[in-house]
Amino acid sequence: MPTDPAQRPPTIDATAAARWSRLAPASESPWLHEEIGRRMEDRLQWIKARPRHWADWSPVRGGLEAHALVARRYRDAAPFVIEPEPALAAVTARSLAAPWWTARRWQGARPSFDPPPEDGVDLLWANMALHMAADPQALIARWHRLVATDGFLMFSCFGPDTLQELRGLHRRLGWPPASHEFTDMHDWGDMLVGAGFAEPVMDMERIVLTWASADAALAELRMLGRNLHPGRFPALRGKAWRQALAAALPELAPAEEGGGRIALTFEIIYGHAFKPAPRVALASESAVSLREMRSMLQRGRVGN
């Protein structure tokens, strides 16, 4: 197995990932994403830095309620919204528009959809986006460019044990993969360092959700994402397959309480990392960007 990421076979179908990213989400963010956002926001209490400005990456999918929680915590900070898909900017703007009668109008500044400051934002908040990226390393590099020196990135995503019951069911029945592969938190930490972040802190937890029926479980899964595995079933499934899946789920993914309920595991990875001041080794010729040079001059820390 090649160790160079550029030589590894793709784990995500880029065309399918692009199609998913352009799909207009429902009017409400997925419940699970909101819950993960709430837990991630609670972790901000351990970070002493107080952002002057922050940006939310695709909040309509990452969690509108989570966005409000961060805005409330940093009510004096200027908020920005970054919607990577221009076609979804209007949907996101409508979703974040607070009615005049809600308290949300008074919990902080209205978010701006203008480009963030040239020098970056002090906090980039990215809830539940990374595991759906066709090129996660490129996305992390883009996030690094958006974060200001001494600012930090806060993100969450699915980990490798996510949907282990459903993936096991597909293997047992000889079906193509039920989902694309999810990356381990240690590999995310390596990618963060490779992109230029420092001191990444990673942790994880497992959440088990239960449903009364296969229809309820599958409906919620469709809100959370899509199967982007290159080897997934290439055509539309028929009613017979759907009936076979519905019959197998209570048997192969049973909830502890029984009664025909279905249980699926989700591994949640949380991470944050700071962006250190750029350090450039001086040589006969050294090239740095204007933004990096401004940062080094302000701090008086030209590398050695």
C-alpha atoms as a PDB file:
ATOM      1  CA  MET A   1       0.000   0.000   0.000  1.00  0.00           C
ATOM      2  CA  PRO A   2       1.628   3.323  -1.009  1.00  0.00           C
ATOM      3  CA  THR A   3       2.339   5.663   1.919  1.00  0.00           C
ATOM      4  CA  ASP A   4       2.356   8.793  -0.227  1.00  0.00           C
ATOM      5  CA  PRO A   5      -1.223  10.168  -0.208  1.00  0.00           C
ATOM      6  CA  ALA A   6      -0.820  11.197  -3.838  1.00  0.00           C
ATOM      7  CA  GLN A   7      -0.215   7.541  -4.784  1.00  0.00           C
ATOM      8  CA  ARG A   8      -3.068   6.010  -2.804  1.00  0.00           C
ATOM      9  CA  PRO A   9      -6.245   5.000  -4.606  1.00  0.00           C
ATOM     10  CA  PRO A  10      -9.037   7.549  -4.081  1.00  0.00           C
ATOM     11  CA  THR A  11     -11.373   6.779  -1.184  1.00  0.00           C
ATOM     12  CA  ILE A  12     -14.044   9.233  -2.352  1.00  0.00           C
ATOM     13  CA  ASP A  13     -15.660   9.651  -5.756  1.00  0.00           C
ATOM     14  CA  ALA A  14     -14.903  13.293  -6.572  1.00  0.00           C
ATOM     15  CA  THR A  15     -17.848  13.645  -8.946  1.00  0.00           C
ATOM     16  CA  ALA A  16     -20.289  12.335  -6.352  1.00  0.00           C
ATOM     17  CA  ALA A  17     -18.761  14.593  -3.697  1.00  0.00           C
ATOM     18  CA  ALA A  18     -19.213  17.637  -5.927  1.00  0.00           C
ATOM     19  CA  ARG A  19     -22.809  16.663  -6.622  1.00  0.00           C
ATOM     20  CA  TRP A  20     -23.512  16.362  -2.885  1.00  0.00           C
ATOM     21  CA  SER A  21     -21.879  19.730  -2.125  1.00  0.00           C
ATOM     22  CA  ARG A  22     -24.190  21.451  -4.626  1.00  0.00           C
ATOM     23  CA  LEU A  23     -27.348  19.803  -3.327  1.00  0.00           C
ATOM     24  CA  ALA A  24     -29.480  22.325  -1.492  1.00  0.00           C
ATOM     25  CA  PRO A  25     -29.951  21.107   2.093  1.00  0.00           C
ATOM     26  CA  ALA A  26     -33.211  20.954   3.952  1.00  0.00           C
ATOM     27  CA  SER A  27     -34.500  24.020   5.763  1.00  0.00           C
ATOM     28  CA  GLU A  28     -33.057  22.713   9.026  1.00  0.00           C
ATOM     29  CA  SER A  29     -29.597  21.389   9.757  1.00  0.00           C
ATOM     30  CA  PRO A  30     -29.348  17.665  10.599  1.00  0.00           C
ATOM     31  CA  TRP A  31     -30.089  16.947  14.252  1.00  0.00           C
ATOM     32  CA  LEU A  32     -26.853  15.000  14.716  1.00  0.00           C
ATOM     33  CA  HIS A  33     -24.774  17.847  13.271  1.00  0.00           C
ATOM     34  CA  GLU A  34     -26.438  20.274  15.667  1.00  0.00           C
ATOM     35  CA  GLU A  35     -25.712  17.998  18.629  1.00  0.00           C
ATOM     36  CA  ILE A  36     -22.073  17.602  17.598  1.00  0.00           C
ATOM     37  CA  GLY A  37     -21.836  21.375  17.114  1.00  0.00           C
ATOM     38  CA  ARG A  38     -23.203  21.888  20.626  1.00  0.00           C
ATOM     39  CA  ARG A  39     -20.584  19.545  22.070  1.00  0.00           C
ATOM     40  CA  MET A  40     -17.817  21.182  20.045  1.00  0.00           C
ATOM     41  CA  GLU A  41     -18.923  24.660  21.128  1.00  0.00           C
ATOM     42  CA  ASP A  42     -18.690  23.521  24.747  1.00  0.00           C
ATOM     43  CA  ARG A  43     -14.996  22.768  24.146  1.00  0.00           C
ATOM     44  CA  LEU A  44     -14.382  26.449  23.388  1.00  0.00           C
ATOM     45  CA  GLN A  45     -14.471  27.155  27.119  1.00  0.00           C
ATOM     46  CA  TRP A  46     -10.991  25.616  27.399  1.00  0.00           C
ATOM     47  CA  ILE A  47      -9.487  27.942  24.780  1.00  0.00           C
ATOM     48  CA  LYS A  48      -8.349  31.256  26.252  1.00  0.00           C
ATOM     49  CA  ALA A  49      -8.032  33.111  22.948  1.00  0.00           C
ATOM     50  CA  ARG A  50     -10.811  35.648  22.331  1.00  0.00           C
ATOM     51  CA  PRO A  51     -11.424  36.055  18.595  1.00  0.00           C
ATOM     52  CA  ARG A  52     -11.915  39.512  17.148  1.00  0.00           C
ATOM     53  CA  HIS A  53     -13.556  37.909  14.122  1.00  0.00           C
ATOM     54  CA  TRP A  54     -14.558  34.381  13.226  1.00  0.00           C
ATOM     55  CA  ALA A  55     -15.933  32.519  10.239  1.00  0.00           C
ATOM     56  CA  ASP A  56     -18.371  29.628   9.953  1.00  0.00           C
ATOM     57  CA  TRP A  57     -17.744  27.173   7.121  1.00  0.00           C
ATOM     58  CA  SER A  58     -21.049  26.133   5.491  1.00  0.00           C
ATOM     59  CA  PRO A  59     -23.271  26.568   8.575  1.00  0.00           C
ATOM     60  CA  VAL A  60     -26.508  25.469   6.901  1.00  0.00           C
ATOM     61  CA  ARG A  61     -25.099  21.944   6.826  1.00  0.00           C
ATOM     62  CA  GLY A  62     -22.836  22.254   9.842  1.00  0.00           C
ATOM     63  CA  GLY A  63     -25.581  23.545  12.124  1.00  0.00           C
ATOM     64  CA  LEU A  64     -27.559  26.776  12.358  1.00  0.00           C
ATOM     65  CA  GLU A  65     -28.126  26.384  16.090  1.00  0.00           C
ATOM     66  CA  ALA A  66     -24.415  25.696  16.559  1.00  0.00           C
ATOM     67  CA  HIS A  67     -23.676  28.911  14.656  1.00  0.00           C
ATOM     68  CA  ALA A  68     -25.905  30.798  17.091  1.00  0.00           C
ATOM     69  CA  LEU A  69     -24.079  29.260  20.065  1.00  0.00           C
ATOM     70  CA  VAL A  70     -20.673  30.412  18.798  1.00  0.00           C
ATOM     71  CA  ALA A  71     -22.074  33.863  17.979  1.00  0.00           C
ATOM     72  CA  ARG A  72     -23.440  34.107  21.521  1.00  0.00           C
ATOM     73  CA  ARG A  73     -20.108  33.070  23.067  1.00  0.00           C
ATOM     74  CA  TYR A  74     -18.200  35.614  20.977  1.00  0.00           C
ATOM     75  CA  ARG A  75     -20.882  38.275  20.710  1.00  0.00           C
ATOM     76  CA  ASP A  76     -18.257  41.047  20.393  1.00  0.00           C
ATOM     77  CA  ALA A  77     -16.491  39.321  17.489  1.00  0.00           C
ATOM     78  CA  ALA A  78     -17.343  40.071  13.861  1.00  0.00           C
ATOM     79  CA  PRO A  79     -18.892  36.929  12.293  1.00  0.00           C
ATOM     80  CA  PHE A  80     -18.363  35.834   8.700  1.00  0.00           C
ATOM     81  CA  VAL A  81     -20.011  33.036   6.767  1.00  0.00           C
ATOM     82  CA  ILE A  82     -18.117  31.109   4.123  1.00  0.00           C
ATOM     83  CA  GLU A  83     -20.311  29.070   1.817  1.00  0.00           C
ATOM     84  CA  PRO A  84     -17.938  27.150  -0.496  1.00  0.00           C
ATOM     85  CA  GLU A  85     -20.734  26.548  -3.017  1.00  0.00           C
ATOM     86  CA  PRO A  86     -21.881  29.894  -4.493  1.00  0.00           C
ATOM     87  CA  ALA A  87     -25.201  28.349  -5.483  1.00  0.00           C
ATOM     88  CA  LEU A  88     -26.002  27.720  -1.818  1.00  0.00           C
ATOM     89  CA  ALA A  89     -25.132  31.215  -0.555  1.00  0.00           C
ATOM     90  CA  ALA A  90     -28.732  32.450  -0.879  1.00  0.00           C
ATOM     91  CA  VAL A  91     -30.059  29.370   0.953  1.00  0.00           C
ATOM     92  CA  THR A  92     -27.569  29.923   3.761  1.00  0.00           C
ATOM     93  CA  ALA A  93     -28.397  33.626   3.998  1.00  0.00           C
ATOM     94  CA  ARG A  94     -32.125  32.911   4.287  1.00  0.00           C
ATOM     95  CA  SER A  95     -31.505  30.235   6.902  1.00  0.00           C
ATOM     96  CA  LEU A  96     -29.408  32.580   9.036  1.00  0.00           C
ATOM     97  CA  ALA A  97     -31.784  35.535   8.753  1.00  0.00           C
ATOM     98  CA  ALA A  98     -33.326  35.917  12.208  1.00  0.00           C
ATOM     99  CA  PRO A  99     -36.977  36.996  12.376  1.00  0.00           C
ATOM    100  CA  TRP A 100     -37.534  40.310  14.144  1.00  0.00           C
ATOM    101  CA  TRP A 101     -39.346  38.604  17.041  1.00  0.00           C
ATOM    102  CA  THR A 102     -36.572  36.116  17.979  1.00  0.00           C
ATOM    103  CA  ALA A 103     -33.952  36.699  20.638  1.00  0.00           C
ATOM    104  CA  ARG A 104     -31.319  35.555  18.133  1.00  0.00           C
ATOM    105  CA  ARG A 105     -31.366  39.069  16.617  1.00  0.00           C
ATOM    106  CA  TRP A 106     -29.870  40.419  19.843  1.00  0.00           C
ATOM    107  CA  GLN A 107     -27.233  37.762  20.473  1.00  0.00           C
ATOM    108  CA  GLY A 108     -24.468  39.242  18.371  1.00  0.00           C
ATOM    109  CA  ALA A 109     -23.615  40.952  15.120  1.00  0.00           C
ATOM    110  CA  ARG A 110     -25.318  39.847  11.919  1.00  0.00           C
ATOM    111  CA  PRO A 111     -23.035  37.534   9.923  1.00  0.00           C
ATOM    112  CA  SER A 112     -21.316  38.946   6.858  1.00  0.00           C
ATOM    113  CA  PHE A 113     -21.098  37.063   3.573  1.00  0.00           C
ATOM    114  CA  ASP A 114     -18.304  39.347   2.365  1.00  0.00           C
ATOM    115  CA  PRO A 115     -14.804  37.868   2.056  1.00  0.00           C
ATOM    116  CA  PRO A 116     -13.137  37.581   5.477  1.00  0.00           C
ATOM    117  CA  PRO A 117     -10.248  39.902   6.387  1.00  0.00           C
ATOM    118  CA  GLU A 118      -7.187  39.601   4.169  1.00  0.00           C
ATOM    119  CA  ASP A 119      -5.075  38.638   7.170  1.00  0.00           C
ATOM    120  CA  GLY A 120      -7.498  35.876   8.103  1.00  0.00           C
ATOM    121  CA  VAL A 121      -9.941  35.226  10.928  1.00  0.00           C
ATOM    122  CA  ASP A 122      -9.040  34.389  14.501  1.00  0.00           C
ATOM    123  CA  LEU A 123     -11.360  31.375  14.517  1.00  0.00           C
ATOM    124  CA  LEU A 124     -12.480  29.202  11.639  1.00  0.00           C
ATOM    125  CA  TRP A 125     -15.385  26.980  12.696  1.00  0.00           C
ATOM    126  CA  ALA A 126     -15.968  23.943  10.454  1.00  0.00           C
ATOM    127  CA  ASN A 127     -18.523  21.493  11.790  1.00  0.00           C
ATOM    128  CA  MET A 128     -19.032  18.124  10.043  1.00  0.00           C
ATOM    129  CA  ALA A 129     -17.571  19.013   6.640  1.00  0.00           C
ATOM    130  CA  LEU A 130     -14.185  17.329   6.344  1.00  0.00           C
ATOM    131  CA  HIS A 131     -15.323  13.722   5.878  1.00  0.00           C
ATOM    132  CA  MET A 132     -17.350  14.686   2.772  1.00  0.00           C
ATOM    133  CA  ALA A 133     -14.417  16.372   0.993  1.00  0.00           C
ATOM    134  CA  ALA A 134     -13.016  14.663  -2.094  1.00  0.00           C
ATOM    135  CA  ASP A 135      -9.583  16.187  -1.371  1.00  0.00           C
ATOM    136  CA  PRO A 136      -9.375  16.760   2.391  1.00  0.00           C
ATOM    137  CA  GLN A 137      -5.737  17.830   2.292  1.00  0.00           C
ATOM    138  CA  ALA A 138      -6.576  20.606  -0.159  1.00  0.00           C
ATOM    139  CA  LEU A 139      -9.490  21.665   2.058  1.00  0.00           C
ATOM    140  CA  ILE A 140      -7.277  21.818   5.152  1.00  0.00           C
ATOM    141  CA  ALA A 141      -4.749  23.889   3.196  1.00  0.00           C
ATOM    142  CA  ARG A 142      -7.556  26.264   2.220  1.00  0.00           C
ATOM    143  CA  TRP A 143      -8.628  26.532   5.839  1.00  0.00           C
ATOM    144  CA  HIS A 144      -5.032  27.321   6.802  1.00  0.00           C
ATOM    145  CA  ARG A 145      -5.017  30.269   4.396  1.00  0.00           C
ATOM    146  CA  LEU A 146      -8.239  31.586   5.950  1.00  0.00           C
ATOM    147  CA  VAL A 147      -6.923  31.552   9.530  1.00  0.00           C
ATOM    148  CA  ALA A 148      -4.944  34.513  10.859  1.00  0.00           C
ATOM    149  CA  THR A 149      -1.569  34.109  12.513  1.00  0.00           C
ATOM    150  CA  ASP A 150      -2.149  32.937  16.105  1.00  0.00           C
ATOM    151  CA  GLY A 151      -5.751  32.138  15.169  1.00  0.00           C
ATOM    152  CA  PHE A 152      -7.157  28.638  15.366  1.00  0.00           C
ATOM    153  CA  LEU A 153      -9.251  26.097  13.501  1.00  0.00           C
ATOM    154  CA  MET A 154     -12.036  24.178  15.229  1.00  0.00           C
ATOM    155  CA  PHE A 155     -13.568  21.240  13.344  1.00  0.00           C
ATOM    156  CA  SER A 156     -15.412  17.942  13.657  1.00  0.00           C
ATOM    157  CA  CYS A 157     -16.064  15.007  11.340  1.00  0.00           C
ATOM    158  CA  PHE A 158     -16.958  11.315  11.250  1.00  0.00           C
ATOM    159  CA  GLY A 159     -14.335   8.742  12.215  1.00  0.00           C
ATOM    160  CA  PRO A 160     -13.623   5.171  11.008  1.00  0.00           C
ATOM    161  CA  ASP A 161     -16.139   3.373  13.257  1.00  0.00           C
ATOM    162  CA  THR A 162     -19.060   5.344  11.822  1.00  0.00           C
ATOM    163  CA  LEU A 163     -21.848   3.075  10.520  1.00  0.00           C
ATOM    164  CA  GLN A 164     -19.875  -0.042  11.404  1.00  0.00           C
ATOM    165  CA  GLU A 165     -23.113  -2.017  11.721  1.00  0.00           C
ATOM    166  CA  LEU A 166     -24.384  -0.979   8.292  1.00  0.00           C
ATOM    167  CA  ARG A 167     -21.017  -1.590   6.646  1.00  0.00           C
ATOM    168  CA  GLY A 168     -20.844  -5.017   8.283  1.00  0.00           C
ATOM    169  CA  LEU A 169     -24.335  -5.835   7.031  1.00  0.00           C
ATOM    170  CA  HIS A 170     -23.324  -5.002   3.451  1.00  0.00           C
ATOM    171  CA  ARG A 171     -20.224  -7.185   3.709  1.00  0.00           C
ATOM    172  CA  ARG A 172     -22.211 -10.079   5.162  1.00  0.00           C
ATOM    173  CA  LEU A 173     -24.800  -9.931   2.372  1.00  0.00           C
ATOM    174  CA  GLY A 174     -22.187  -9.495  -0.350  1.00  0.00           C
ATOM    175  CA  TRP A 175     -23.296  -6.001  -1.292  1.00  0.00           C
ATOM    176  CA  PRO A 176     -20.964  -3.169  -2.400  1.00  0.00           C
ATOM    177  CA  PRO A 177     -19.678  -0.817   0.339  1.00  0.00           C
ATOM    178  CA  ALA A 178     -22.334   1.030   2.330  1.00  0.00           C
ATOM    179  CA  SER A 179     -20.181   4.150   2.759  1.00  0.00           C
ATOM    180  CA  HIS A 180     -16.845   5.613   1.860  1.00  0.00           C
ATOM    181  CA  GLU A 181     -13.961   5.212   4.279  1.00  0.00           C
ATOM    182  CA  PHE A 182     -13.593   7.672   7.147  1.00  0.00           C
ATOM    183  CA  THR A 183     -10.161   8.916   8.249  1.00  0.00           C
ATOM    184  CA  ASP A 184      -8.573   8.197  11.637  1.00  0.00           C
ATOM    185  CA  MET A 185      -7.997  11.162  13.945  1.00  0.00           C
ATOM    186  CA  HIS A 186      -4.218  10.593  14.007  1.00  0.00           C
ATOM    187  CA  ASP A 187      -4.109  10.967  10.226  1.00  0.00           C
ATOM    188  CA  TRP A 188      -6.090  14.201  10.508  1.00  0.00           C
ATOM    189  CA  GLY A 189      -3.494  15.455  12.978  1.00  0.00           C
ATOM    190  CA  ASP A 190      -0.698  14.667  10.515  1.00  0.00           C
ATOM    191  CA  MET A 191      -2.544  16.512   7.738  1.00  0.00           C
ATOM    192  CA  LEU A 192      -3.011  19.564   9.956  1.00  0.00           C
ATOM    193  CA  VAL A 193       0.718  19.718  10.706  1.00  0.00           C
ATOM    194  CA  GLY A 194       1.523  19.159   7.038  1.00  0.00           C
ATOM    195  CA  ALA A 195      -0.672  22.135   6.109  1.00  0.00           C
ATOM    196  CA  GLY A 196       1.165  24.415   8.549  1.00  0.00           C
ATOM    197  CA  PHE A 197      -0.987  24.226  11.672  1.00  0.00           C
ATOM    198  CA  ALA A 198       0.652  23.639  15.037  1.00  0.00           C
ATOM    199  CA  GLU A 199      -0.206  21.828  18.257  1.00  0.00           C
ATOM    200  CA  PRO A 200      -3.219  19.913  16.943  1.00  0.00           C
ATOM    201  CA  VAL A 201      -5.413  18.485  19.687  1.00  0.00           C
ATOM    202  CA  MET A 202      -7.660  15.596  18.665  1.00  0.00           C
ATOM    203  CA  ASP A 203     -10.218  13.580  20.573  1.00  0.00           C
ATOM    204  CA  MET A 204     -13.140  11.344  19.722  1.00  0.00           C
ATOM    205  CA  GLU A 205     -16.319   9.841  21.092  1.00  0.00           C
ATOM    206  CA  ARG A 206     -18.895   7.347  19.895  1.00  0.00           C
ATOM    207  CA  ILE A 207     -22.595   8.116  19.704  1.00  0.00           C
ATOM    208  CA  VAL A 208     -25.157   5.353  19.179  1.00  0.00           C
ATOM    209  CA  LEU A 209     -28.459   6.429  17.657  1.00  0.00           C
ATOM    210  CA  THR A 210     -31.550   4.216  17.608  1.00  0.00           C
ATOM    211  CA  TRP A 211     -34.664   4.258  15.444  1.00  0.00           C
ATOM    212  CA  ALA A 212     -37.987   2.462  15.573  1.00  0.00           C
ATOM    213  CA  SER A 213     -37.828   1.413  11.912  1.00  0.00           C
ATOM    214  CA  ALA A 214     -35.514   1.028   8.950  1.00  0.00           C
ATOM    215  CA  ASP A 215     -37.398   3.765   7.089  1.00  0.00           C
ATOM    216  CA  ALA A 216     -36.731   6.243   9.894  1.00  0.00           C
ATOM    217  CA  ALA A 217     -33.037   5.304  10.056  1.00  0.00           C
ATOM    218  CA  LEU A 218     -32.490   5.563   6.306  1.00  0.00           C
ATOM    219  CA  ALA A 219     -34.334   8.878   6.071  1.00  0.00           C
ATOM    220  CA  GLU A 220     -32.035  10.420   8.675  1.00  0.00           C
ATOM    221  CA  LEU A 221     -28.931   8.977   7.055  1.00  0.00           C
ATOM    222  CA  ARG A 222     -29.841  10.725   3.805  1.00  0.00           C
ATOM    223  CA  MET A 223     -29.823  14.046   5.645  1.00  0.00           C
ATOM    224  CA  LEU A 224     -26.319  13.388   6.983  1.00  0.00           C
ATOM    225  CA  GLY A 225     -24.612  12.747   3.656  1.00  0.00           C
ATOM    226  CA  ARG A 226     -24.159  10.301   0.818  1.00  0.00           C
ATOM    227  CA  ASN A 227     -22.154   7.179   0.092  1.00  0.00           C
ATOM    228  CA  LEU A 228     -19.170   8.528  -1.866  1.00  0.00           C
ATOM    229  CA  HIS A 229     -17.261   5.248  -2.138  1.00  0.00           C
ATOM    230  CA  PRO A 230     -15.867   4.732  -5.690  1.00  0.00           C
ATOM    231  CA  GLY A 231     -17.003   1.087  -5.523  1.00  0.00           C
ATOM    232  CA  ARG A 232     -20.574   1.759  -4.381  1.00  0.00           C
ATOM    233  CA  PHE A 233     -23.498   0.257  -6.308  1.00  0.00           C
ATOM    234  CA  PRO A 234     -23.463   2.256  -9.572  1.00  0.00           C
ATOM    235  CA  ALA A 235     -27.192   2.338 -10.339  1.00  0.00           C
ATOM    236  CA  LEU A 236     -30.524   2.901  -8.601  1.00  0.00           C
ATOM    237  CA  ARG A 237     -31.630   0.265  -6.123  1.00  0.00           C
ATOM    238  CA  GLY A 238     -34.961  -1.502  -6.526  1.00  0.00           C
ATOM    239  CA  LYS A 239     -37.803  -2.187  -4.115  1.00  0.00           C
ATOM    240  CA  ALA A 240     -36.628  -5.759  -3.503  1.00  0.00           C
ATOM    241  CA  TRP A 241     -33.241  -4.554  -2.275  1.00  0.00           C
ATOM    242  CA  ARG A 242     -34.889  -1.936  -0.048  1.00  0.00           C
ATOM    243  CA  GLN A 243     -37.112  -4.604   1.480  1.00  0.00           C
ATOM    244  CA  ALA A 244     -34.107  -6.888   2.060  1.00  0.00           C
ATOM    245  CA  LEU A 245     -32.233  -4.056   3.789  1.00  0.00           C
ATOM    246  CA  ALA A 246     -35.229  -3.166   5.965  1.00  0.00           C
ATOM    247  CA  ALA A 247     -35.586  -6.811   6.998  1.00  0.00           C
ATOM    248  CA  ALA A 248     -31.867  -7.250   7.761  1.00  0.00           C
ATOM    249  CA  LEU A 249     -31.303  -4.076   9.792  1.00  0.00           C
ATOM    250  CA  PRO A 250     -33.248  -5.101  12.949  1.00  0.00           C
ATOM    251  CA  GLU A 251     -31.403  -8.434  12.965  1.00  0.00           C
ATOM    252  CA  LEU A 252     -27.865  -7.263  12.166  1.00  0.00           C
ATOM    253  CA  ALA A 253     -27.998  -3.809  13.818  1.00  0.00           C
ATOM    254  CA  PRO A 254     -30.283  -4.368  16.822  1.00  0.00           C
ATOM    255  CA  ALA A 255     -30.669  -1.817  19.598  1.00  0.00           C
ATOM    256  CA  GLU A 256     -30.042  -2.985  23.170  1.00  0.00           C
ATOM    257  CA  GLU A 257     -33.647  -2.333  24.156  1.00  0.00           C
ATOM    258  CA  GLY A 258     -34.868  -4.754  21.470  1.00  0.00           C
ATOM    259  CA  GLY A 259     -38.376  -4.449  20.125  1.00  0.00           C
ATOM    260  CA  GLY A 260     -37.132  -4.378  16.546  1.00  0.00           C
ATOM    261  CA  ARG A 261     -35.350  -1.051  17.050  1.00  0.00           C
ATOM    262  CA  ILE A 262     -32.222  -0.323  15.012  1.00  0.00           C
ATOM    263  CA  ALA A 263     -28.929   1.018  16.399  1.00  0.00           C
ATOM    264  CA  LEU A 264     -26.081   2.574  14.408  1.00  0.00           C
ATOM    265  CA  THR A 265     -22.736   3.834  15.722  1.00  0.00           C
ATOM    266  CA  PHE A 266     -21.188   7.178  14.815  1.00  0.00           C
ATOM    267  CA  GLU A 267     -17.578   7.937  15.708  1.00  0.00           C
ATOM    268  CA  ILE A 268     -17.144  11.676  16.114  1.00  0.00           C
ATOM    269  CA  ILE A 269     -13.716  13.274  15.817  1.00  0.00           C
ATOM    270  CA  TYR A 270     -13.080  16.743  17.248  1.00  0.00           C
ATOM    271  CA  GLY A 271      -9.957  18.730  16.515  1.00  0.00           C
ATOM    272  CA  HIS A 272      -8.447  22.132  16.905  1.00  0.00           C
ATOM    273  CA  ALA A 273      -5.082  23.571  15.938  1.00  0.00           C
ATOM    274  CA  PHE A 274      -3.418  26.976  15.968  1.00  0.00           C
ATOM    275  CA  LYS A 275      -1.717  28.725  13.102  1.00  0.00           C
ATOM    276  CA  PRO A 276       1.765  29.783  14.207  1.00  0.00           C
ATOM    277  CA  ALA A 277       3.658  32.785  12.941  1.00  0.00           C
ATOM    278  CA  PRO A 278       5.442  32.015   9.676  1.00  0.00           C
ATOM    279  CA  ARG A 279       9.117  31.272  10.005  1.00  0.00           C
ATOM    280  CA  VAL A 280      11.303  31.516   6.953  1.00  0.00           C
ATOM    281  CA  ALA A 281      14.827  30.151   6.889  1.00  0.00           C
ATOM    282  CA  LEU A 282      17.022  32.936   5.518  1.00  0.00           C
ATOM    283  CA  ALA A 283      19.125  32.103   2.480  1.00  0.00           C
ATOM    284  CA  SER A 284      20.746  34.083  -0.293  1.00  0.00           C
ATOM    285  CA  GLU A 285      17.212  34.464  -1.630  1.00  0.00           C
ATOM    286  CA  SER A 286      13.984  33.970   0.355  1.00  0.00           C
ATOM    287  CA  ALA A 287      10.469  34.357  -1.043  1.00  0.00           C
ATOM    288  CA  VAL A 288       7.480  35.008   1.208  1.00  0.00           C
ATOM    289  CA  SER A 289       4.004  36.310   0.566  1.00  0.00           C
ATOM    290  CA  LEU A 290       3.073  39.887   1.426  1.00  0.00           C
ATOM    291  CA  ARG A 291       0.717  38.576   4.109  1.00  0.00           C
ATOM    292  CA  GLU A 292       3.480  36.463   5.711  1.00  0.00           C
ATOM    293  CA  MET A 293       5.965  39.348   5.579  1.00  0.00           C
ATOM    294  CA  ARG A 294       3.470  41.689   7.239  1.00  0.00           C
ATOM    295  CA  SER A 295       2.890  39.148  10.001  1.00  0.00           C
ATOM    296  CA  MET A 296       6.608  38.611  10.602  1.00  0.00           C
ATOM    297  CA  LEU A 297       7.326  42.333  10.697  1.00  0.00           C
ATOM    298  CA  GLN A 298       4.503  42.961  13.130  1.00  0.00           C
ATOM    299  CA  ARG A 299       5.850  40.284  15.463  1.00  0.00           C
ATOM    300  CA  GLY A 300       9.518  40.939  14.848  1.00  0.00           C
ATOM    301  CA  ARG A 301      10.105  37.227  14.320  1.00  0.00           C
ATOM    302  CA  VAL A 302      11.863  36.756  10.995  1.00  0.00           C
ATOM    303  CA  GLY A 303      13.013  33.101  11.057  1.00  0.00           C
ATOM    304  CA  ASN A 304      16.473  31.894  11.689  1.00  0.00           C
END
